[in-house]
Amino acid sequence: MKEGHDAISHSEVVLPFFQGLLLGLVAMTLHEAGHLIAALAVGIKVKNVGFCWKGMYTVREPGPPVKNILVSLAGPMVNLILMMTWHWWPTFGLPIYALPYSTCCPLRARMACAS
């Protein structure tokens, strides 16, 4: 080790990475659970919930426009609730801020996993 440089231990890099990855997966699961619970609450049948290399997805039967909007907004509402944890638990709140970027992928590309 050269003098004058701060050494970064392996655990200072690897542990936060995997902790963020795990918490991100928990956040995605809760996001999809929001869609699932909302669909069941308004009487829309859920056909499949899964996970692929592009992320998690929920496949459901189409419903009336108002019910579709409620189900579609349920996941982002869960994200907003989880973002409120930032003040008490910054480590969990941080992955939530990345979700809007991952859920803005074109719908056709995201639905390719479901077919």
C-alpha atoms as a PDB file:
ATOM      1  CA  MET A   1       0.000   0.000   0.000  1.00  0.00           C
ATOM      2  CA  LYS A   2       1.339   3.403  -0.937  1.00  0.00           C
ATOM      3  CA  GLU A   3       1.602   6.085   1.672  1.00  0.00           C
ATOM      4  CA  GLY A   4      -0.908   8.907   1.445  1.00  0.00           C
ATOM      5  CA  HIS A   5      -3.689   6.807  -0.014  1.00  0.00           C
ATOM      6  CA  ASP A   6      -6.590   5.598   2.024  1.00  0.00           C
ATOM      7  CA  ALA A   7      -7.113   1.881   1.785  1.00  0.00           C
ATOM      8  CA  ILE A   8     -10.640   0.721   1.052  1.00  0.00           C
ATOM      9  CA  SER A   9     -11.323  -2.644   2.562  1.00  0.00           C
ATOM     10  CA  HIS A  10     -13.069  -5.348   0.600  1.00  0.00           C
ATOM     11  CA  SER A  11     -16.046  -5.272   2.990  1.00  0.00           C
ATOM     12  CA  GLU A  12     -16.538  -1.527   2.441  1.00  0.00           C
ATOM     13  CA  VAL A  13     -17.291  -2.193  -1.231  1.00  0.00           C
ATOM     14  CA  VAL A  14     -18.777  -5.679  -1.427  1.00  0.00           C
ATOM     15  CA  LEU A  15     -21.119  -5.590   1.563  1.00  0.00           C
ATOM     16  CA  PRO A  16     -22.907  -2.354   0.558  1.00  0.00           C
ATOM     17  CA  PHE A  17     -23.247  -3.631  -3.019  1.00  0.00           C
ATOM     18  CA  PHE A  18     -24.961  -6.858  -1.983  1.00  0.00           C
ATOM     19  CA  GLN A  19     -26.990  -5.094   0.695  1.00  0.00           C
ATOM     20  CA  GLY A  20     -28.281  -2.656  -1.940  1.00  0.00           C
ATOM     21  CA  LEU A  21     -28.980  -5.511  -4.332  1.00  0.00           C
ATOM     22  CA  LEU A  22     -30.959  -7.420  -1.708  1.00  0.00           C
ATOM     23  CA  LEU A  23     -32.918  -4.364  -0.630  1.00  0.00           C
ATOM     24  CA  GLY A  24     -33.619  -3.535  -4.273  1.00  0.00           C
ATOM     25  CA  LEU A  25     -35.092  -7.008  -4.750  1.00  0.00           C
ATOM     26  CA  VAL A  26     -37.229  -6.538  -1.636  1.00  0.00           C
ATOM     27  CA  ALA A  27     -38.426  -3.188  -2.997  1.00  0.00           C
ATOM     28  CA  MET A  28     -39.283  -4.728  -6.398  1.00  0.00           C
ATOM     29  CA  THR A  29     -41.198  -7.515  -4.666  1.00  0.00           C
ATOM     30  CA  LEU A  30     -43.194  -5.005  -2.622  1.00  0.00           C
ATOM     31  CA  HIS A  31     -43.855  -2.939  -5.771  1.00  0.00           C
ATOM     32  CA  GLU A  32     -45.260  -5.969  -7.608  1.00  0.00           C
ATOM     33  CA  ALA A  33     -47.212  -6.974  -4.487  1.00  0.00           C
ATOM     34  CA  GLY A  34     -48.893  -3.565  -4.686  1.00  0.00           C
ATOM     35  CA  HIS A  35     -50.072  -4.338  -8.225  1.00  0.00           C
ATOM     36  CA  LEU A  36     -51.161  -7.835  -7.198  1.00  0.00           C
ATOM     37  CA  ILE A  37     -53.117  -6.730  -4.126  1.00  0.00           C
ATOM     38  CA  ALA A  38     -54.800  -3.897  -6.032  1.00  0.00           C
ATOM     39  CA  ALA A  39     -55.802  -6.246  -8.870  1.00  0.00           C
ATOM     40  CA  LEU A  40     -57.312  -8.733  -6.449  1.00  0.00           C
ATOM     41  CA  ALA A  41     -59.051  -5.945  -4.505  1.00  0.00           C
ATOM     42  CA  VAL A  42     -60.829  -4.601  -7.603  1.00  0.00           C
ATOM     43  CA  GLY A  43     -61.677  -8.061  -8.948  1.00  0.00           C
ATOM     44  CA  ILE A  44     -59.159  -8.388 -11.784  1.00  0.00           C
ATOM     45  CA  LYS A  45     -57.795 -11.906 -12.186  1.00  0.00           C
ATOM     46  CA  VAL A  46     -54.003 -12.210 -12.015  1.00  0.00           C
ATOM     47  CA  LYS A  47     -52.672 -14.794 -14.454  1.00  0.00           C
ATOM     48  CA  ASN A  48     -48.991 -14.867 -13.536  1.00  0.00           C
ATOM     49  CA  VAL A  49     -46.352 -13.194 -11.401  1.00  0.00           C
ATOM     50  CA  GLY A  50     -42.762 -13.867 -12.310  1.00  0.00           C
ATOM     51  CA  PHE A  51     -39.144 -12.839 -12.429  1.00  0.00           C
ATOM     52  CA  CYS A  52     -36.862 -12.721 -15.440  1.00  0.00           C
ATOM     53  CA  TRP A  53     -33.595 -11.031 -16.373  1.00  0.00           C
ATOM     54  CA  LYS A  54     -35.470  -7.758 -16.991  1.00  0.00           C
ATOM     55  CA  GLY A  55     -37.066  -7.747 -13.541  1.00  0.00           C
ATOM     56  CA  MET A  56     -40.322  -8.789 -11.973  1.00  0.00           C
ATOM     57  CA  TYR A  57     -43.639  -8.708 -13.764  1.00  0.00           C
ATOM     58  CA  THR A  58     -47.347  -9.306 -13.235  1.00  0.00           C
ATOM     59  CA  VAL A  59     -49.651 -10.575 -15.980  1.00  0.00           C
ATOM     60  CA  ARG A  60     -53.343  -9.943 -15.421  1.00  0.00           C
ATOM     61  CA  GLU A  61     -56.578  -9.953 -17.323  1.00  0.00           C
ATOM     62  CA  PRO A  62     -57.655  -6.618 -18.760  1.00  0.00           C
ATOM     63  CA  GLY A  63     -60.277  -4.757 -16.820  1.00  0.00           C
ATOM     64  CA  PRO A  64     -62.290  -1.568 -17.120  1.00  0.00           C
ATOM     65  CA  PRO A  65     -60.175   1.606 -17.553  1.00  0.00           C
ATOM     66  CA  VAL A  66     -60.720   2.871 -13.997  1.00  0.00           C
ATOM     67  CA  LYS A  67     -59.673  -0.462 -12.481  1.00  0.00           C
ATOM     68  CA  ASN A  68     -56.651  -0.650 -14.802  1.00  0.00           C
ATOM     69  CA  ILE A  69     -55.524   2.795 -13.643  1.00  0.00           C
ATOM     70  CA  LEU A  70     -55.904   1.809  -9.985  1.00  0.00           C
ATOM     71  CA  VAL A  71     -53.880  -1.370 -10.489  1.00  0.00           C
ATOM     72  CA  SER A  72     -51.227   0.450 -12.522  1.00  0.00           C
ATOM     73  CA  LEU A  73     -50.805   3.160  -9.872  1.00  0.00           C
ATOM     74  CA  ALA A  74     -50.640   0.717  -6.956  1.00  0.00           C
ATOM     75  CA  GLY A  75     -46.967  -0.224  -7.552  1.00  0.00           C
ATOM     76  CA  PRO A  76     -45.717   3.390  -7.743  1.00  0.00           C
ATOM     77  CA  MET A  77     -47.791   4.212  -4.644  1.00  0.00           C
ATOM     78  CA  VAL A  78     -45.936   1.471  -2.780  1.00  0.00           C
ATOM     79  CA  ASN A  79     -42.680   3.069  -4.002  1.00  0.00           C
ATOM     80  CA  LEU A  80     -43.759   6.450  -2.626  1.00  0.00           C
ATOM     81  CA  ILE A  81     -44.551   4.888   0.730  1.00  0.00           C
ATOM     82  CA  LEU A  82     -41.174   3.122   0.751  1.00  0.00           C
ATOM     83  CA  MET A  83     -39.392   6.368  -0.185  1.00  0.00           C
ATOM     84  CA  MET A  84     -40.723   7.836   3.036  1.00  0.00           C
ATOM     85  CA  THR A  85     -38.479   5.389   4.910  1.00  0.00           C
ATOM     86  CA  TRP A  86     -35.441   7.374   3.686  1.00  0.00           C
ATOM     87  CA  HIS A  87     -35.401   9.472   6.854  1.00  0.00           C
ATOM     88  CA  TRP A  88     -35.370   6.443   9.168  1.00  0.00           C
ATOM     89  CA  TRP A  89     -33.461   3.948   7.020  1.00  0.00           C
ATOM     90  CA  PRO A  90     -31.394   5.560   4.240  1.00  0.00           C
ATOM     91  CA  THR A  91     -29.959   2.224   3.141  1.00  0.00           C
ATOM     92  CA  PHE A  92     -33.426   0.931   2.261  1.00  0.00           C
ATOM     93  CA  GLY A  93     -34.709   4.230   0.917  1.00  0.00           C
ATOM     94  CA  LEU A  94     -31.876   4.567  -1.616  1.00  0.00           C
ATOM     95  CA  PRO A  95     -32.764   1.571  -3.867  1.00  0.00           C
ATOM     96  CA  ILE A  96     -36.311   2.902  -4.117  1.00  0.00           C
ATOM     97  CA  TYR A  97     -35.044   5.975  -5.956  1.00  0.00           C
ATOM     98  CA  ALA A  98     -33.659   3.719  -8.708  1.00  0.00           C
ATOM     99  CA  LEU A  99     -36.992   1.971  -9.332  1.00  0.00           C
ATOM    100  CA  PRO A 100     -38.612   4.754 -11.368  1.00  0.00           C
ATOM    101  CA  TYR A 101     -35.800   4.450 -13.917  1.00  0.00           C
ATOM    102  CA  SER A 102     -36.119   0.682 -14.170  1.00  0.00           C
ATOM    103  CA  THR A 103     -39.907   0.772 -14.490  1.00  0.00           C
ATOM    104  CA  CYS A 104     -39.798   3.335 -17.314  1.00  0.00           C
ATOM    105  CA  CYS A 105     -38.562   0.718 -19.796  1.00  0.00           C
ATOM    106  CA  PRO A 106     -40.820   0.283 -22.816  1.00  0.00           C
ATOM    107  CA  LEU A 107     -43.749  -1.914 -21.895  1.00  0.00           C
ATOM    108  CA  ARG A 108     -43.254  -4.211 -24.892  1.00  0.00           C
ATOM    109  CA  ALA A 109     -39.696  -5.001 -23.768  1.00  0.00           C
ATOM    110  CA  ARG A 110     -40.771  -5.637 -20.178  1.00  0.00           C
ATOM    111  CA  MET A 111     -43.664  -7.853 -21.240  1.00  0.00           C
ATOM    112  CA  ALA A 112     -41.355 -10.044 -23.346  1.00  0.00           C
ATOM    113  CA  CYS A 113     -40.532 -11.947 -20.162  1.00  0.00           C
ATOM    114  CA  ALA A 114     -44.175 -12.720 -19.524  1.00  0.00           C
ATOM    115  CA  SER A 115     -44.853 -14.402 -22.844  1.00  0.00           C
END
